[in-house]
Amino acid sequence: DGAVMFIPAEAIFAEIHANYPEVITLAQRLKVWLVSPSTLMAVLTTARAVLKDDATKKQVHIIQKHLQALALDFQRFEKRMDNLSKHIEKAHQDVGDVSISAKKITQRFHKIETVNLLQEESELIE
């Protein structure tokens, strides 16, 4: 709640600030910002930043609520990730166990084949 008074000439703006302090005081009391061509953009940019900051402050509680919900979601994600990791480790161990069993079965087949070959050779010799 304030106003901007544009003074289009830098010389007049400087004259007011140099020689009319009562005008400056009155403008400040009435929340009127005196601006010149060289100060207009700076004042408008500053005012916009202040308004944006004020709007953000009004939204802080919403942001905090979302951050709390996000923290809960992340805790749930972390727990599920730990469970998945355990399942993957167990599956990896099971694959290793199955591989060992497959090697043992293959070795037994080789032993059986070797025995059969020896029997066939001995039968041929006889």
N, C-alpha and C. Protein backbone atom coordinates (compact mmCIF):
# COMPACT_ATOMS: atom_id res chain seq x y z
N ASP A 1 0.83 -1.18 0.00
CA ASP A 1 0.00 0.00 0.00
C ASP A 1 0.88 1.24 0.00
N GLY A 2 1.14 1.68 -1.18
CA GLY A 2 1.94 2.87 -1.40
C GLY A 2 1.74 3.32 -2.83
N ALA A 3 2.42 4.38 -3.19
CA ALA A 3 2.29 4.91 -4.55
C ALA A 3 3.67 5.29 -5.07
N VAL A 4 3.77 5.33 -6.38
CA VAL A 4 5.01 5.74 -7.04
C VAL A 4 4.71 7.04 -7.78
N MET A 5 5.51 8.06 -7.52
CA MET A 5 5.36 9.34 -8.23
C MET A 5 6.55 9.49 -9.16
N PHE A 6 6.27 9.44 -10.46
CA PHE A 6 7.32 9.52 -11.46
C PHE A 6 7.61 10.98 -11.78
N ILE A 7 8.85 11.37 -11.58
CA ILE A 7 9.29 12.72 -11.93
C ILE A 7 10.15 12.55 -13.19
N PRO A 8 9.66 13.01 -14.36
CA PRO A 8 10.28 12.66 -15.63
C PRO A 8 11.62 13.32 -15.92
N ALA A 9 12.07 14.24 -15.10
CA ALA A 9 13.35 14.91 -15.38
C ALA A 9 14.30 14.69 -14.20
N GLU A 10 15.50 14.23 -14.51
CA GLU A 10 16.49 13.99 -13.46
C GLU A 10 16.82 15.28 -12.71
N ALA A 11 16.86 16.40 -13.43
CA ALA A 11 17.21 17.68 -12.79
C ALA A 11 16.16 18.07 -11.75
N ILE A 12 14.89 17.90 -12.08
CA ILE A 12 13.82 18.24 -11.12
C ILE A 12 13.88 17.29 -9.92
N PHE A 13 14.10 16.01 -10.18
CA PHE A 13 14.22 15.01 -9.12
C PHE A 13 15.35 15.41 -8.17
N ALA A 14 16.51 15.78 -8.73
CA ALA A 14 17.65 16.19 -7.92
C ALA A 14 17.34 17.48 -7.15
N GLU A 15 16.65 18.41 -7.78
CA GLU A 15 16.28 19.67 -7.13
C GLU A 15 15.39 19.41 -5.91
N ILE A 16 14.40 18.53 -6.06
CA ILE A 16 13.50 18.21 -4.94
C ILE A 16 14.31 17.62 -3.79
N HIS A 17 15.19 16.68 -4.09
CA HIS A 17 15.98 16.05 -3.03
C HIS A 17 16.97 17.02 -2.39
N ALA A 18 17.48 17.95 -3.17
CA ALA A 18 18.48 18.88 -2.65
C ALA A 18 17.88 20.03 -1.86
N ASN A 19 16.71 20.53 -2.31
CA ASN A 19 16.21 21.79 -1.74
C ASN A 19 14.82 21.71 -1.11
N TYR A 20 14.16 20.59 -1.18
CA TYR A 20 12.81 20.50 -0.62
C TYR A 20 12.68 19.27 0.30
N PRO A 21 13.37 19.25 1.42
CA PRO A 21 13.33 18.10 2.32
C PRO A 21 11.93 17.84 2.87
N GLU A 22 11.12 18.91 2.99
CA GLU A 22 9.75 18.72 3.49
C GLU A 22 8.90 17.90 2.52
N VAL A 23 9.16 18.02 1.22
CA VAL A 23 8.45 17.21 0.22
C VAL A 23 8.86 15.75 0.37
N ILE A 24 10.14 15.52 0.57
CA ILE A 24 10.64 14.15 0.76
C ILE A 24 10.03 13.54 2.03
N THR A 25 10.01 14.30 3.11
CA THR A 25 9.45 13.81 4.38
C THR A 25 7.97 13.50 4.22
N LEU A 26 7.23 14.39 3.59
CA LEU A 26 5.80 14.18 3.37
C LEU A 26 5.57 12.94 2.50
N ALA A 27 6.35 12.80 1.45
CA ALA A 27 6.21 11.64 0.56
C ALA A 27 6.46 10.34 1.33
N GLN A 28 7.48 10.34 2.17
CA GLN A 28 7.77 9.14 2.96
C GLN A 28 6.64 8.83 3.93
N ARG A 29 6.09 9.86 4.56
CA ARG A 29 5.00 9.66 5.53
C ARG A 29 3.76 9.11 4.83
N LEU A 30 3.51 9.56 3.61
CA LEU A 30 2.33 9.12 2.86
C LEU A 30 2.60 7.86 2.02
N LYS A 31 3.80 7.31 2.18
CA LYS A 31 4.19 6.10 1.44
C LYS A 31 4.16 6.32 -0.08
N VAL A 32 4.72 7.44 -0.48
CA VAL A 32 4.85 7.77 -1.90
C VAL A 32 6.35 7.72 -2.23
N TRP A 33 6.68 6.90 -3.21
CA TRP A 33 8.08 6.80 -3.61
C TRP A 33 8.30 7.72 -4.80
N LEU A 34 9.18 8.68 -4.62
CA LEU A 34 9.53 9.58 -5.71
C LEU A 34 10.59 8.88 -6.56
N VAL A 35 10.33 8.81 -7.87
CA VAL A 35 11.28 8.14 -8.76
C VAL A 35 11.55 8.99 -9.98
N SER A 36 12.74 8.76 -10.53
CA SER A 36 13.14 9.47 -11.75
C SER A 36 13.37 8.42 -12.83
N PRO A 37 13.68 8.85 -14.05
CA PRO A 37 13.94 7.86 -15.11
C PRO A 37 15.04 6.86 -14.73
N SER A 38 16.04 7.31 -13.99
CA SER A 38 17.14 6.40 -13.65
C SER A 38 16.85 5.53 -12.42
N THR A 39 15.85 5.89 -11.62
CA THR A 39 15.56 5.10 -10.41
C THR A 39 14.28 4.28 -10.52
N LEU A 40 13.49 4.52 -11.56
CA LEU A 40 12.19 3.84 -11.68
C LEU A 40 12.33 2.32 -11.69
N MET A 41 13.19 1.79 -12.54
CA MET A 41 13.31 0.33 -12.65
C MET A 41 13.82 -0.29 -11.36
N ALA A 42 14.75 0.38 -10.69
CA ALA A 42 15.28 -0.14 -9.43
C ALA A 42 14.18 -0.21 -8.38
N VAL A 43 13.37 0.83 -8.29
CA VAL A 43 12.27 0.84 -7.31
C VAL A 43 11.23 -0.22 -7.65
N LEU A 44 10.87 -0.33 -8.92
CA LEU A 44 9.87 -1.34 -9.32
C LEU A 44 10.39 -2.76 -9.08
N THR A 45 11.66 -2.99 -9.40
CA THR A 45 12.25 -4.32 -9.18
C THR A 45 12.29 -4.66 -7.69
N THR A 46 12.66 -3.68 -6.88
CA THR A 46 12.69 -3.89 -5.43
C THR A 46 11.29 -4.15 -4.90
N ALA A 47 10.32 -3.37 -5.36
CA ALA A 47 8.93 -3.56 -4.91
C ALA A 47 8.43 -4.95 -5.30
N ARG A 48 8.75 -5.38 -6.51
CA ARG A 48 8.32 -6.71 -6.95
C ARG A 48 8.96 -7.79 -6.09
N ALA A 49 10.23 -7.63 -5.76
CA ALA A 49 10.92 -8.62 -4.91
C ALA A 49 10.30 -8.67 -3.52
N VAL A 50 9.96 -7.51 -2.98
CA VAL A 50 9.32 -7.46 -1.65
C VAL A 50 7.97 -8.14 -1.69
N LEU A 51 7.18 -7.87 -2.73
CA LEU A 51 5.86 -8.50 -2.84
C LEU A 51 5.98 -10.01 -3.02
N LYS A 52 6.95 -10.43 -3.81
CA LYS A 52 7.15 -11.87 -4.01
C LYS A 52 7.58 -12.54 -2.71
N ASP A 53 8.47 -11.89 -1.96
CA ASP A 53 8.92 -12.43 -0.68
C ASP A 53 7.75 -12.54 0.29
N ASP A 54 6.89 -11.54 0.29
CA ASP A 54 5.71 -11.56 1.16
C ASP A 54 4.78 -12.71 0.78
N ALA A 55 4.58 -12.91 -0.51
CA ALA A 55 3.72 -14.01 -0.97
C ALA A 55 4.33 -15.36 -0.59
N THR A 56 5.65 -15.46 -0.69
CA THR A 56 6.32 -16.71 -0.32
C THR A 56 6.15 -16.98 1.17
N LYS A 57 6.30 -15.94 1.99
CA LYS A 57 6.13 -16.11 3.44
C LYS A 57 4.72 -16.60 3.77
N LYS A 58 3.74 -16.13 3.01
CA LYS A 58 2.36 -16.57 3.25
C LYS A 58 2.17 -18.03 2.88
N GLN A 59 3.04 -18.56 2.01
CA GLN A 59 2.92 -19.94 1.55
C GLN A 59 3.82 -20.91 2.32
N VAL A 60 4.57 -20.41 3.29
CA VAL A 60 5.53 -21.25 4.01
C VAL A 60 4.86 -22.45 4.66
N HIS A 61 3.69 -22.26 5.26
CA HIS A 61 3.02 -23.39 5.93
C HIS A 61 2.66 -24.50 4.93
N ILE A 62 2.32 -24.11 3.72
CA ILE A 62 2.00 -25.11 2.69
C ILE A 62 3.28 -25.87 2.31
N ILE A 63 4.35 -25.14 2.15
CA ILE A 63 5.63 -25.76 1.82
C ILE A 63 6.06 -26.71 2.94
N GLN A 64 5.89 -26.29 4.19
CA GLN A 64 6.27 -27.14 5.32
C GLN A 64 5.44 -28.42 5.34
N LYS A 65 4.14 -28.30 5.03
CA LYS A 65 3.29 -29.49 5.00
C LYS A 65 3.77 -30.47 3.93
N HIS A 66 4.11 -29.94 2.77
CA HIS A 66 4.59 -30.79 1.69
C HIS A 66 5.93 -31.44 2.05
N LEU A 67 6.79 -30.69 2.73
CA LEU A 67 8.08 -31.25 3.14
C LEU A 67 7.89 -32.38 4.16
N GLN A 68 6.93 -32.21 5.08
CA GLN A 68 6.65 -33.26 6.05
C GLN A 68 6.13 -34.51 5.35
N ALA A 69 5.22 -34.32 4.40
CA ALA A 69 4.69 -35.47 3.65
C ALA A 69 5.81 -36.13 2.84
N LEU A 70 6.68 -35.33 2.27
CA LEU A 70 7.81 -35.86 1.51
C LEU A 70 8.74 -36.66 2.41
N ALA A 71 8.95 -36.20 3.64
CA ALA A 71 9.80 -36.93 4.58
C ALA A 71 9.20 -38.30 4.88
N LEU A 72 7.88 -38.36 5.08
CA LEU A 72 7.22 -39.65 5.32
C LEU A 72 7.34 -40.56 4.10
N ASP A 73 7.13 -39.99 2.92
CA ASP A 73 7.26 -40.77 1.69
C ASP A 73 8.68 -41.33 1.56
N PHE A 74 9.67 -40.52 1.91
CA PHE A 74 11.05 -40.98 1.78
C PHE A 74 11.35 -42.08 2.79
N GLN A 75 10.81 -41.98 4.00
CA GLN A 75 11.01 -43.05 4.99
C GLN A 75 10.43 -44.35 4.48
N ARG A 76 9.24 -44.28 3.91
CA ARG A 76 8.59 -45.46 3.34
C ARG A 76 9.43 -46.02 2.19
N PHE A 77 9.91 -45.14 1.33
CA PHE A 77 10.76 -45.55 0.21
C PHE A 77 12.03 -46.24 0.72
N GLU A 78 12.65 -45.65 1.73
CA GLU A 78 13.89 -46.21 2.28
C GLU A 78 13.65 -47.62 2.84
N LYS A 79 12.54 -47.80 3.55
CA LYS A 79 12.20 -49.12 4.11
C LYS A 79 11.98 -50.13 2.98
N ARG A 80 11.25 -49.72 1.96
CA ARG A 80 10.98 -50.61 0.83
C ARG A 80 12.26 -50.93 0.07
N MET A 81 13.13 -49.95 -0.05
CA MET A 81 14.41 -50.18 -0.73
C MET A 81 15.25 -51.17 0.04
N ASP A 82 15.25 -51.07 1.37
CA ASP A 82 15.98 -52.03 2.20
C ASP A 82 15.43 -53.44 2.01
N ASN A 83 14.10 -53.56 2.00
CA ASN A 83 13.47 -54.87 1.78
C ASN A 83 13.85 -55.43 0.41
N LEU A 84 13.79 -54.59 -0.61
CA LEU A 84 14.15 -55.03 -1.96
C LEU A 84 15.61 -55.48 -2.01
N SER A 85 16.47 -54.74 -1.35
CA SER A 85 17.89 -55.08 -1.31
C SER A 85 18.09 -56.45 -0.67
N LYS A 86 17.37 -56.72 0.41
CA LYS A 86 17.47 -58.03 1.07
C LYS A 86 16.98 -59.14 0.15
N HIS A 87 15.89 -58.89 -0.57
CA HIS A 87 15.37 -59.89 -1.51
C HIS A 87 16.37 -60.15 -2.64
N ILE A 88 16.99 -59.10 -3.13
CA ILE A 88 17.97 -59.26 -4.21
C ILE A 88 19.18 -60.04 -3.70
N GLU A 89 19.64 -59.72 -2.49
CA GLU A 89 20.76 -60.47 -1.91
C GLU A 89 20.39 -61.94 -1.74
N LYS A 90 19.18 -62.22 -1.28
CA LYS A 90 18.72 -63.60 -1.10
C LYS A 90 18.64 -64.31 -2.45
N ALA A 91 18.10 -63.61 -3.46
CA ALA A 91 18.01 -64.20 -4.80
C ALA A 91 19.41 -64.51 -5.33
N HIS A 92 20.36 -63.61 -5.10
CA HIS A 92 21.74 -63.83 -5.53
C HIS A 92 22.32 -65.06 -4.85
N GLN A 93 22.06 -65.18 -3.56
CA GLN A 93 22.54 -66.35 -2.81
C GLN A 93 21.90 -67.63 -3.36
N ASP A 94 20.59 -67.57 -3.63
CA ASP A 94 19.89 -68.73 -4.19
C ASP A 94 20.46 -69.13 -5.55
N VAL A 95 20.79 -68.14 -6.38
CA VAL A 95 21.39 -68.43 -7.69
C VAL A 95 22.73 -69.14 -7.49
N GLY A 96 23.51 -68.69 -6.53
CA GLY A 96 24.78 -69.35 -6.23
C GLY A 96 24.57 -70.78 -5.78
N ASP A 97 23.57 -70.99 -4.90
CA ASP A 97 23.27 -72.35 -4.43
C ASP A 97 22.83 -73.25 -5.58
N VAL A 98 21.98 -72.73 -6.45
CA VAL A 98 21.51 -73.51 -7.61
C VAL A 98 22.68 -73.84 -8.53
N SER A 99 23.59 -72.90 -8.70
CA SER A 99 24.76 -73.12 -9.54
C SER A 99 25.63 -74.24 -8.96
N ILE A 100 25.80 -74.25 -7.65
CA ILE A 100 26.57 -75.32 -7.00
C ILE A 100 25.89 -76.67 -7.23
N SER A 101 24.57 -76.70 -7.05
CA SER A 101 23.82 -77.95 -7.28
C SER A 101 23.96 -78.41 -8.72
N ALA A 102 23.88 -77.48 -9.67
CA ALA A 102 24.01 -77.84 -11.08
C ALA A 102 25.39 -78.43 -11.37
N LYS A 103 26.43 -77.86 -10.78
CA LYS A 103 27.78 -78.39 -10.98
C LYS A 103 27.90 -79.80 -10.41
N LYS A 104 27.32 -80.02 -9.23
CA LYS A 104 27.38 -81.35 -8.62
C LYS A 104 26.63 -82.38 -9.47
N ILE A 105 25.48 -81.98 -9.97
CA ILE A 105 24.70 -82.89 -10.84
C ILE A 105 25.50 -83.21 -12.09
N THR A 106 26.11 -82.18 -12.69
CA THR A 106 26.92 -82.39 -13.89
C THR A 106 28.09 -83.33 -13.60
N GLN A 107 28.73 -83.18 -12.45
CA GLN A 107 29.83 -84.06 -12.07
C GLN A 107 29.35 -85.51 -11.93
N ARG A 108 28.18 -85.67 -11.33
CA ARG A 108 27.64 -87.03 -11.17
C ARG A 108 27.36 -87.66 -12.55
N PHE A 109 26.80 -86.85 -13.47
CA PHE A 109 26.57 -87.37 -14.82
C PHE A 109 27.88 -87.81 -15.46
N HIS A 110 28.92 -87.00 -15.28
CA HIS A 110 30.23 -87.37 -15.84
C HIS A 110 30.74 -88.67 -15.23
N LYS A 111 30.55 -88.83 -13.93
CA LYS A 111 30.99 -90.07 -13.27
C LYS A 111 30.21 -91.26 -13.82
N ILE A 112 28.91 -91.07 -13.99
CA ILE A 112 28.07 -92.15 -14.53
C ILE A 112 28.51 -92.48 -15.95
N GLU A 113 28.75 -91.44 -16.78
CA GLU A 113 29.21 -91.67 -18.15
C GLU A 113 30.54 -92.39 -18.16
N THR A 114 31.42 -92.01 -17.25
CA THR A 114 32.73 -92.65 -17.17
C THR A 114 32.59 -94.12 -16.80
N VAL A 115 31.71 -94.41 -15.85
CA VAL A 115 31.47 -95.80 -15.45
C VAL A 115 30.89 -96.58 -16.62
N ASN A 116 29.94 -96.02 -17.32
CA ASN A 116 29.34 -96.69 -18.47
C ASN A 116 30.38 -96.96 -19.55
N LEU A 117 31.25 -95.98 -19.80
CA LEU A 117 32.29 -96.17 -20.81
C LEU A 117 33.25 -97.27 -20.41
N LEU A 118 33.61 -97.31 -19.15
CA LEU A 118 34.52 -98.36 -18.67
C LEU A 118 33.87 -99.73 -18.80
N GLN A 119 32.58 -99.80 -18.49
CA GLN A 119 31.87 -101.09 -18.62
C GLN A 119 31.81 -101.52 -20.08
N GLU A 120 31.52 -100.56 -20.95
CA GLU A 120 31.44 -100.89 -22.38
C GLU A 120 32.80 -101.36 -22.90
N GLU A 121 33.88 -100.71 -22.45
CA GLU A 121 35.22 -101.11 -22.87
C GLU A 121 35.55 -102.51 -22.36
N SER A 122 35.20 -102.77 -21.11
CA SER A 122 35.50 -104.09 -20.57
C SER A 122 34.67 -105.16 -21.26
N GLU A 123 33.46 -104.81 -21.67
CA GLU A 123 32.63 -105.78 -22.41
C GLU A 123 33.22 -106.04 -23.79
N LEU A 124 33.76 -104.99 -24.40
CA LEU A 124 34.37 -105.15 -25.71
C LEU A 124 35.64 -106.00 -25.63
N ILE A 125 36.36 -105.85 -24.55
CA ILE A 125 37.60 -106.58 -24.37
C ILE A 125 37.28 -108.06 -24.13
N GLU A 126 36.27 -108.35 -23.46
CA GLU A 126 35.93 -109.74 -23.15
C GLU A 126 35.39 -110.40 -24.33
